[in-house]
PDB file of N, CA and C in Angstrom:
ATOM      1  N   UNK A   1      -5.512  -8.992   6.809  1.00  0.00           N
ATOM      2  CA  UNK A   1      -6.300 -10.213   6.816  1.00  0.00           C
ATOM      3  C   UNK A   1      -6.597 -10.667   5.392  1.00  0.00           C
ATOM      4  N   UNK A   2      -6.898  -9.739   4.496  1.00  0.00           N
ATOM      5  CA  UNK A   2      -7.292 -10.117   3.142  1.00  0.00           C
ATOM      6  C   UNK A   2      -6.166 -10.005   2.131  1.00  0.00           C
ATOM      7  N   UNK A   3      -4.941  -9.811   2.603  1.00  0.00           N
ATOM      8  CA  UNK A   3      -3.802  -9.708   1.694  1.00  0.00           C
ATOM      9  C   UNK A   3      -2.672 -10.613   2.164  1.00  0.00           C
ATOM     10  N   UNK A   4      -1.829 -10.982   1.229  1.00  0.00           N
ATOM     11  CA  UNK A   4      -0.583 -11.674   1.562  1.00  0.00           C
ATOM     12  C   UNK A   4       0.557 -10.803   1.059  1.00  0.00           C
ATOM     13  N   UNK A   5       1.720 -10.934   1.678  1.00  0.00           N
ATOM     14  CA  UNK A   5       2.859 -10.072   1.370  1.00  0.00           C
ATOM     15  C   UNK A   5       3.908 -10.880   0.619  1.00  0.00           C
ATOM     16  N   UNK A   6       4.399 -10.301  -0.483  1.00  0.00           N
ATOM     17  CA  UNK A   6       5.441 -10.952  -1.272  1.00  0.00           C
ATOM     18  C   UNK A   6       6.827 -10.665  -0.729  1.00  0.00           C
ATOM     19  N   UNK A   7       7.820 -11.014  -1.493  1.00  0.00           N
ATOM     20  CA  UNK A   7       9.210 -10.806  -1.101  1.00  0.00           C
ATOM     21  C   UNK A   7       9.611  -9.334  -1.185  1.00  0.00           C
ATOM     22  N   UNK A   8      10.514  -8.938  -0.303  1.00  0.00           N
ATOM     23  CA  UNK A   8      10.972  -7.552  -0.259  1.00  0.00           C
ATOM     24  C   UNK A   8      12.011  -7.296  -1.346  1.00  0.00           C
ATOM     25  N   UNK A   9      11.970  -6.074  -1.904  1.00  0.00           N
ATOM     26  CA  UNK A   9      12.952  -5.654  -2.903  1.00  0.00           C
ATOM     27  C   UNK A   9      13.134  -4.146  -2.811  1.00  0.00           C
ATOM     28  N   UNK A  10      14.290  -3.662  -3.231  1.00  0.00           N
ATOM     29  CA  UNK A  10      14.545  -2.227  -3.209  1.00  0.00           C
ATOM     30  C   UNK A  10      13.964  -1.599  -4.460  1.00  0.00           C
ATOM     31  N   UNK A  11      13.267  -0.463  -4.268  1.00  0.00           N
ATOM     32  CA  UNK A  11      12.698   0.296  -5.385  1.00  0.00           C
ATOM     33  C   UNK A  11      12.996   1.769  -5.182  1.00  0.00           C
ATOM     34  N   UNK A  12      13.327   2.431  -6.265  1.00  0.00           N
ATOM     35  CA  UNK A  12      13.540   3.863  -6.217  1.00  0.00           C
ATOM     36  C   UNK A  12      12.197   4.542  -6.442  1.00  0.00           C
ATOM     37  N   UNK A  13      11.600   5.067  -5.369  1.00  0.00           N
ATOM     38  CA  UNK A  13      10.293   5.705  -5.426  1.00  0.00           C
ATOM     39  C   UNK A  13      10.482   7.220  -5.563  1.00  0.00           C
ATOM     40  N   UNK A  14       9.393   7.949  -5.700  1.00  0.00           N
ATOM     41  CA  UNK A  14       9.469   9.408  -5.810  1.00  0.00           C
ATOM     42  C   UNK A  14      10.104  10.045  -4.572  1.00  0.00           C
ATOM     43  N   UNK A  15       9.970   9.401  -3.417  1.00  0.00           N
ATOM     44  CA  UNK A  15      10.497   9.958  -2.171  1.00  0.00           C
ATOM     45  C   UNK A  15      11.845   9.356  -1.789  1.00  0.00           C
ATOM     46  N   UNK A  16      12.478   8.625  -2.699  1.00  0.00           N
ATOM     47  CA  UNK A  16      13.789   8.057  -2.430  1.00  0.00           C
ATOM     48  C   UNK A  16      13.787   6.542  -2.498  1.00  0.00           C
ATOM     49  N   UNK A  17      14.903   5.954  -2.091  1.00  0.00           N
ATOM     50  CA  UNK A  17      15.056   4.506  -2.128  1.00  0.00           C
ATOM     51  C   UNK A  17      14.367   3.871  -0.931  1.00  0.00           C
ATOM     52  N   UNK A  18      13.539   2.853  -1.192  1.00  0.00           N
ATOM     53  CA  UNK A  18      12.801   2.149  -0.148  1.00  0.00           C
ATOM     54  C   UNK A  18      12.875   0.656  -0.413  1.00  0.00           C
ATOM     55  N   UNK A  19      12.830  -0.123   0.656  1.00  0.00           N
ATOM     56  CA  UNK A  19      12.646  -1.566   0.526  1.00  0.00           C
ATOM     57  C   UNK A  19      11.157  -1.809   0.695  1.00  0.00           C
ATOM     58  N   UNK A  20      10.526  -2.384  -0.335  1.00  0.00           N
ATOM     59  CA  UNK A  20       9.078  -2.586  -0.340  1.00  0.00           C
ATOM     60  C   UNK A  20       8.765  -4.032  -0.699  1.00  0.00           C
ATOM     61  N   UNK A  21       7.544  -4.440  -0.381  1.00  0.00           N
ATOM     62  CA  UNK A  21       7.050  -5.770  -0.754  1.00  0.00           C
ATOM     63  C   UNK A  21       5.649  -5.610  -1.328  1.00  0.00           C
ATOM     64  N   UNK A  22       5.388  -6.234  -2.466  1.00  0.00           N
ATOM     65  CA  UNK A  22       4.048  -6.190  -3.048  1.00  0.00           C
ATOM     66  C   UNK A  22       3.074  -6.902  -2.126  1.00  0.00           C
ATOM     67  N   UNK A  23       1.823  -6.433  -2.123  1.00  0.00           N
ATOM     68  CA  UNK A  23       0.767  -7.112  -1.380  1.00  0.00           C
ATOM     69  C   UNK A  23      -0.273  -7.617  -2.382  1.00  0.00           C
ATOM     70  N   UNK A  24      -0.765  -8.811  -2.109  1.00  0.00           N
ATOM     71  CA  UNK A  24      -1.657  -9.505  -3.030  1.00  0.00           C
ATOM     72  C   UNK A  24      -3.005  -9.787  -2.373  1.00  0.00           C
ATOM     73  N   UNK A  25      -4.077  -9.686  -3.136  1.00  0.00           N
ATOM     74  CA  UNK A  25      -5.408 -10.072  -2.680  1.00  0.00           C
ATOM     75  C   UNK A  25      -5.417 -11.587  -2.484  1.00  0.00           C
ATOM     76  N   UNK A  26      -5.880 -12.052  -1.311  1.00  0.00           N
ATOM     77  CA  UNK A  26      -5.908 -13.495  -1.072  1.00  0.00           C
ATOM     78  C   UNK A  26      -6.990 -14.181  -1.904  1.00  0.00           C
ATOM     79  N   UNK A  27      -8.002 -13.441  -2.329  1.00  0.00           N
ATOM     80  CA  UNK A  27      -9.069 -14.035  -3.135  1.00  0.00           C
ATOM     81  C   UNK A  27      -8.688 -14.227  -4.584  1.00  0.00           C
ATOM     82  N   UNK A  28      -8.125 -13.179  -5.210  1.00  0.00           N
ATOM     83  CA  UNK A  28      -7.812 -13.240  -6.636  1.00  0.00           C
ATOM     84  C   UNK A  28      -6.334 -13.454  -6.928  1.00  0.00           C
ATOM     85  N   UNK A  29      -5.471 -13.190  -5.958  1.00  0.00           N
ATOM     86  CA  UNK A  29      -4.033 -13.324  -6.170  1.00  0.00           C
ATOM     87  C   UNK A  29      -3.409 -12.149  -6.897  1.00  0.00           C
ATOM     88  N   UNK A  30      -4.202 -11.121  -7.211  1.00  0.00           N
ATOM     89  CA  UNK A  30      -3.662  -9.972  -7.944  1.00  0.00           C
ATOM     90  C   UNK A  30      -2.981  -8.987  -6.989  1.00  0.00           C
ATOM     91  N   UNK A  31      -2.023  -8.246  -7.527  1.00  0.00           N
ATOM     92  CA  UNK A  31      -1.323  -7.228  -6.743  1.00  0.00           C
ATOM     93  C   UNK A  31      -2.276  -6.057  -6.524  1.00  0.00           C
ATOM     94  N   UNK A  32      -2.427  -5.642  -5.270  1.00  0.00           N
ATOM     95  CA  UNK A  32      -3.313  -4.513  -4.956  1.00  0.00           C
ATOM     96  C   UNK A  32      -2.548  -3.323  -4.378  1.00  0.00           C
ATOM     97  N   UNK A  33      -1.251  -3.467  -4.168  1.00  0.00           N
ATOM     98  CA  UNK A  33      -0.459  -2.366  -3.628  1.00  0.00           C
ATOM     99  C   UNK A  33       0.885  -2.864  -3.136  1.00  0.00           C
ATOM    100  N   UNK A  34       1.462  -2.145  -2.156  1.00  0.00           N
ATOM    101  CA  UNK A  34       2.747  -2.535  -1.593  1.00  0.00           C
ATOM    102  C   UNK A  34       2.862  -2.110  -0.147  1.00  0.00           C
ATOM    103  N   UNK A  35       3.839  -2.692   0.532  1.00  0.00           N
ATOM    104  CA  UNK A  35       4.122  -2.384   1.931  1.00  0.00           C
ATOM    105  C   UNK A  35       5.537  -1.841   2.023  1.00  0.00           C
ATOM    106  N   UNK A  36       5.704  -0.730   2.742  1.00  0.00           N
ATOM    107  CA  UNK A  36       7.038  -0.187   2.971  1.00  0.00           C
ATOM    108  C   UNK A  36       7.707  -0.986   4.082  1.00  0.00           C
ATOM    109  N   UNK A  37       8.812  -1.645   3.772  1.00  0.00           N
ATOM    110  CA  UNK A  37       9.577  -2.392   4.760  1.00  0.00           C
ATOM    111  C   UNK A  37      10.622  -1.490   5.418  1.00  0.00           C
ATOM    112  N   UNK A  38      11.422  -0.789   4.598  1.00  0.00           N
ATOM    113  CA  UNK A  38      12.498   0.056   5.104  1.00  0.00           C
ATOM    114  C   UNK A  38      12.590   1.321   4.270  1.00  0.00           C
ATOM    115  N   UNK A  39      12.766   2.444   4.929  1.00  0.00           N
ATOM    116  CA  UNK A  39      13.032   3.714   4.250  1.00  0.00           C
ATOM    117  C   UNK A  39      14.509   4.025   4.429  1.00  0.00           C
ATOM    118  N   UNK A  40      15.217   4.260   3.343  1.00  0.00           N
ATOM    119  CA  UNK A  40      16.647   4.514   3.421  1.00  0.00           C
ATOM    120  C   UNK A  40      16.944   5.964   3.791  1.00  0.00           C
ATOM    121  N   UNK A  41      15.981   6.862   3.574  1.00  0.00           N
ATOM    122  CA  UNK A  41      16.101   8.252   4.000  1.00  0.00           C
ATOM    123  C   UNK A  41      15.532   8.366   5.399  1.00  0.00           C
ATOM    124  N   UNK A  42      16.303   8.895   6.322  1.00  0.00           N
ATOM    125  CA  UNK A  42      15.862   8.972   7.729  1.00  0.00           C
ATOM    126  C   UNK A  42      14.635   9.871   7.908  1.00  0.00           C
ATOM    127  N   UNK A  43      14.378  10.800   6.987  1.00  0.00           N
ATOM    128  CA  UNK A  43      13.224  11.699   7.116  1.00  0.00           C
ATOM    129  C   UNK A  43      11.913  11.022   6.733  1.00  0.00           C
ATOM    130  N   UNK A  44      11.988   9.873   6.076  1.00  0.00           N
ATOM    131  CA  UNK A  44      10.783   9.159   5.647  1.00  0.00           C
ATOM    132  C   UNK A  44      10.324   8.215   6.751  1.00  0.00           C
ATOM    133  N   UNK A  45       9.096   8.391   7.213  1.00  0.00           N
ATOM    134  CA  UNK A  45       8.532   7.549   8.283  1.00  0.00           C
ATOM    135  C   UNK A  45       7.443   6.654   7.710  1.00  0.00           C
ATOM    136  N   UNK A  46       7.809   5.822   6.773  1.00  0.00           N
ATOM    137  CA  UNK A  46       6.825   5.000   6.078  1.00  0.00           C
ATOM    138  C   UNK A  46       6.930   3.528   6.423  1.00  0.00           C
ATOM    139  N   UNK A  47       7.886   3.138   7.220  1.00  0.00           N
ATOM    140  CA  UNK A  47       8.088   1.726   7.516  1.00  0.00           C
ATOM    141  C   UNK A  47       6.841   1.114   8.142  1.00  0.00           C
ATOM    142  N   UNK A  48       6.430  -0.029   7.615  1.00  0.00           N
ATOM    143  CA  UNK A  48       5.250  -0.722   8.116  1.00  0.00           C
ATOM    144  C   UNK A  48       3.938  -0.232   7.516  1.00  0.00           C
ATOM    145  N   UNK A  49       3.960   0.826   6.705  1.00  0.00           N
ATOM    146  CA  UNK A  49       2.736   1.356   6.087  1.00  0.00           C
ATOM    147  C   UNK A  49       2.400   0.584   4.818  1.00  0.00           C
ATOM    148  N   UNK A  50       1.109   0.485   4.519  1.00  0.00           N
ATOM    149  CA  UNK A  50       0.622  -0.169   3.318  1.00  0.00           C
ATOM    150  C   UNK A  50       0.050   0.878   2.374  1.00  0.00           C
ATOM    151  N   UNK A  51       0.249   0.668   1.077  1.00  0.00           N
ATOM    152  CA  UNK A  51      -0.339   1.530   0.046  1.00  0.00           C
ATOM    153  C   UNK A  51      -1.212   0.650  -0.835  1.00  0.00           C
ATOM    154  N   UNK A  52      -2.497   0.993  -0.926  1.00  0.00           N
ATOM    155  CA  UNK A  52      -3.416   0.289  -1.825  1.00  0.00           C
ATOM    156  C   UNK A  52      -3.627   1.142  -3.055  1.00  0.00           C
ATOM    157  N   UNK A  53      -3.508   0.560  -4.224  1.00  0.00           N
ATOM    158  CA  UNK A  53      -3.776   1.274  -5.461  1.00  0.00           C
ATOM    159  C   UNK A  53      -5.275   1.199  -5.715  1.00  0.00           C
ATOM    160  N   UNK A  54      -5.936   2.339  -5.598  1.00  0.00           N
ATOM    161  CA  UNK A  54      -7.391   2.395  -5.635  1.00  0.00           C
ATOM    162  C   UNK A  54      -7.980   1.745  -6.881  1.00  0.00           C
ATOM    163  N   UNK A  55      -7.362   1.921  -8.058  1.00  0.00           N
ATOM    164  CA  UNK A  55      -7.927   1.357  -9.275  1.00  0.00           C
ATOM    165  C   UNK A  55      -7.786  -0.156  -9.345  1.00  0.00           C
ATOM    166  N   UNK A  56      -7.003  -0.766  -8.431  1.00  0.00           N
ATOM    167  CA  UNK A  56      -6.857  -2.218  -8.413  1.00  0.00           C
ATOM    168  C   UNK A  56      -7.741  -2.897  -7.376  1.00  0.00           C
ATOM    169  N   UNK A  57      -8.482  -2.128  -6.588  1.00  0.00           N
ATOM    170  CA  UNK A  57      -9.322  -2.685  -5.534  1.00  0.00           C
ATOM    171  C   UNK A  57     -10.769  -2.650  -5.995  1.00  0.00           C
ATOM    172  N   UNK A  58     -11.440  -3.799  -5.965  1.00  0.00           N
ATOM    173  CA  UNK A  58     -12.827  -3.893  -6.405  1.00  0.00           C
ATOM    174  C   UNK A  58     -13.725  -4.320  -5.258  1.00  0.00           C
ATOM    175  N   UNK A  59     -14.991  -3.949  -5.354  1.00  0.00           N
ATOM    176  CA  UNK A  59     -15.982  -4.345  -4.367  1.00  0.00           C
ATOM    177  C   UNK A  59     -16.384  -5.796  -4.563  1.00  0.00           C
ATOM    178  N   UNK A  60     -17.227  -6.320  -3.668  1.00  0.00           N
ATOM    179  CA  UNK A  60     -17.612  -7.732  -3.731  1.00  0.00           C
ATOM    180  C   UNK A  60     -18.365  -8.107  -4.999  1.00  0.00           C
ATOM    181  N   UNK A  61     -18.998  -7.148  -5.654  1.00  0.00           N
ATOM    182  CA  UNK A  61     -19.728  -7.457  -6.890  1.00  0.00           C
ATOM    183  C   UNK A  61     -18.918  -7.114  -8.142  1.00  0.00           C
ATOM    184  N   UNK A  62     -17.616  -6.810  -7.968  1.00  0.00           N
ATOM    185  CA  UNK A  62     -16.756  -6.514  -9.111  1.00  0.00           C
ATOM    186  C   UNK A  62     -16.696  -5.051  -9.473  1.00  0.00           C
ATOM    187  N   UNK A  63     -17.547  -4.224  -8.869  1.00  0.00           N
ATOM    188  CA  UNK A  63     -17.497  -2.790  -9.161  1.00  0.00           C
ATOM    189  C   UNK A  63     -16.414  -2.137  -8.307  1.00  0.00           C
ATOM    190  N   UNK A  64     -15.960  -0.975  -8.731  1.00  0.00           N
ATOM    191  CA  UNK A  64     -14.938  -0.263  -7.978  1.00  0.00           C
ATOM    192  C   UNK A  64     -15.532   0.389  -6.750  1.00  0.00           C
ATOM    193  N   UNK A  65     -14.749   0.387  -5.663  1.00  0.00           N
ATOM    194  CA  UNK A  65     -15.165   1.118  -4.470  1.00  0.00           C
ATOM    195  C   UNK A  65     -15.078   2.614  -4.750  1.00  0.00           C
ATOM    196  N   UNK A  66     -15.880   3.391  -4.057  1.00  0.00           N
ATOM    197  CA  UNK A  66     -15.878   4.840  -4.203  1.00  0.00           C
ATOM    198  C   UNK A  66     -15.449   5.462  -2.877  1.00  0.00           C
ATOM    199  N   UNK A  67     -14.490   6.362  -2.920  1.00  0.00           N
ATOM    200  CA  UNK A  67     -14.032   7.062  -1.727  1.00  0.00           C
ATOM    201  C   UNK A  67     -14.554   8.485  -1.821  1.00  0.00           C
ATOM    202  N   UNK A  68     -15.305   8.912  -0.812  1.00  0.00           N
ATOM    203  CA  UNK A  68     -15.873  10.260  -0.843  1.00  0.00           C
ATOM    204  C   UNK A  68     -14.774  11.289  -0.667  1.00  0.00           C
ATOM    205  N   UNK A  69     -15.035  12.505  -1.090  1.00  0.00           N
ATOM    206  CA  UNK A  69     -14.074  13.599  -0.963  1.00  0.00           C
ATOM    207  C   UNK A  69     -13.762  13.902   0.493  1.00  0.00           C
ATOM    208  N   UNK A  70     -14.663  13.609   1.419  1.00  0.00           N
ATOM    209  CA  UNK A  70     -14.462  13.892   2.833  1.00  0.00           C
ATOM    210  C   UNK A  70     -13.604  12.837   3.525  1.00  0.00           C
ATOM    211  N   UNK A  71     -13.345  11.725   2.858  1.00  0.00           N
ATOM    212  CA  UNK A  71     -12.593  10.638   3.486  1.00  0.00           C
ATOM    213  C   UNK A  71     -11.165  11.064   3.766  1.00  0.00           C
ATOM    214  N   UNK A  72     -10.611  10.580   4.864  1.00  0.00           N
ATOM    215  CA  UNK A  72      -9.223  10.872   5.219  1.00  0.00           C
ATOM    216  C   UNK A  72      -8.322   9.934   4.429  1.00  0.00           C
ATOM    217  N   UNK A  73      -7.472  10.488   3.576  1.00  0.00           N
ATOM    218  CA  UNK A  73      -6.618   9.681   2.728  1.00  0.00           C
ATOM    219  C   UNK A  73      -5.187   9.695   3.218  1.00  0.00           C
ATOM    220  N   UNK A  74      -4.969   9.988   4.494  1.00  0.00           N
ATOM    221  CA  UNK A  74      -3.624  10.069   5.062  1.00  0.00           C
ATOM    222  C   UNK A  74      -3.138   8.728   5.555  1.00  0.00           C
ATOM    223  N   UNK A  75      -2.221   8.788   6.525  1.00  0.00           N
ATOM    224  CA  UNK A  75      -1.591   7.600   7.070  1.00  0.00           C
ATOM    225  C   UNK A  75      -2.555   6.775   7.895  1.00  0.00           C
ATOM    226  N   UNK A  76      -2.057   5.628   8.296  1.00  0.00           N
ATOM    227  CA  UNK A  76      -2.889   4.694   9.043  1.00  0.00           C
ATOM    228  C   UNK A  76      -2.781   4.878  10.538  1.00  0.00           C
ATOM    229  N   UNK A  77      -1.953   5.820  10.977  1.00  0.00           N
ATOM    230  CA  UNK A  77      -1.829   6.064  12.404  1.00  0.00           C
ATOM    231  C   UNK A  77      -1.635   7.558  12.697  1.00  0.00           C
ATOM    232  N   UNK A  78      -1.279   7.896  13.912  1.00  0.00           N
ATOM    233  CA  UNK A  78      -1.200   9.283  14.340  1.00  0.00           C
ATOM    234  C   UNK A  78       0.128   9.966  14.076  1.00  0.00           C
ATOM    235  N   UNK A  79       0.812   9.655  12.961  1.00  0.00           N
ATOM    236  CA  UNK A  79       2.090  10.286  12.647  1.00  0.00           C
ATOM    237  C   UNK A  79       1.951  11.729  12.190  1.00  0.00           C
ATOM    238  N   UNK A  80       0.747  12.147  11.836  1.00  0.00           N
ATOM    239  CA  UNK A  80       0.558  13.494  11.246  1.00  0.00           C
ATOM    240  C   UNK A  80       0.953  14.586  12.196  1.00  0.00           C
TER     241      UNK A  80
END
């Protein structure tokens, strides 16, 4: 809801070659992460997942959000 998706491009990531698209904050227009479109390695199940870069995400007053140590930092669904 609060992001827009840019054009897809192939990037060589640490886990192999992936087709990804940058995601942008709709308020500021800045890049806040990326979306995995396609994983070229069959063992990678990242298609459709979003990655937010924590240092690029700010709270409503401009301060950085804080994620507690107890927070689940895994996937967005039950793939685990």
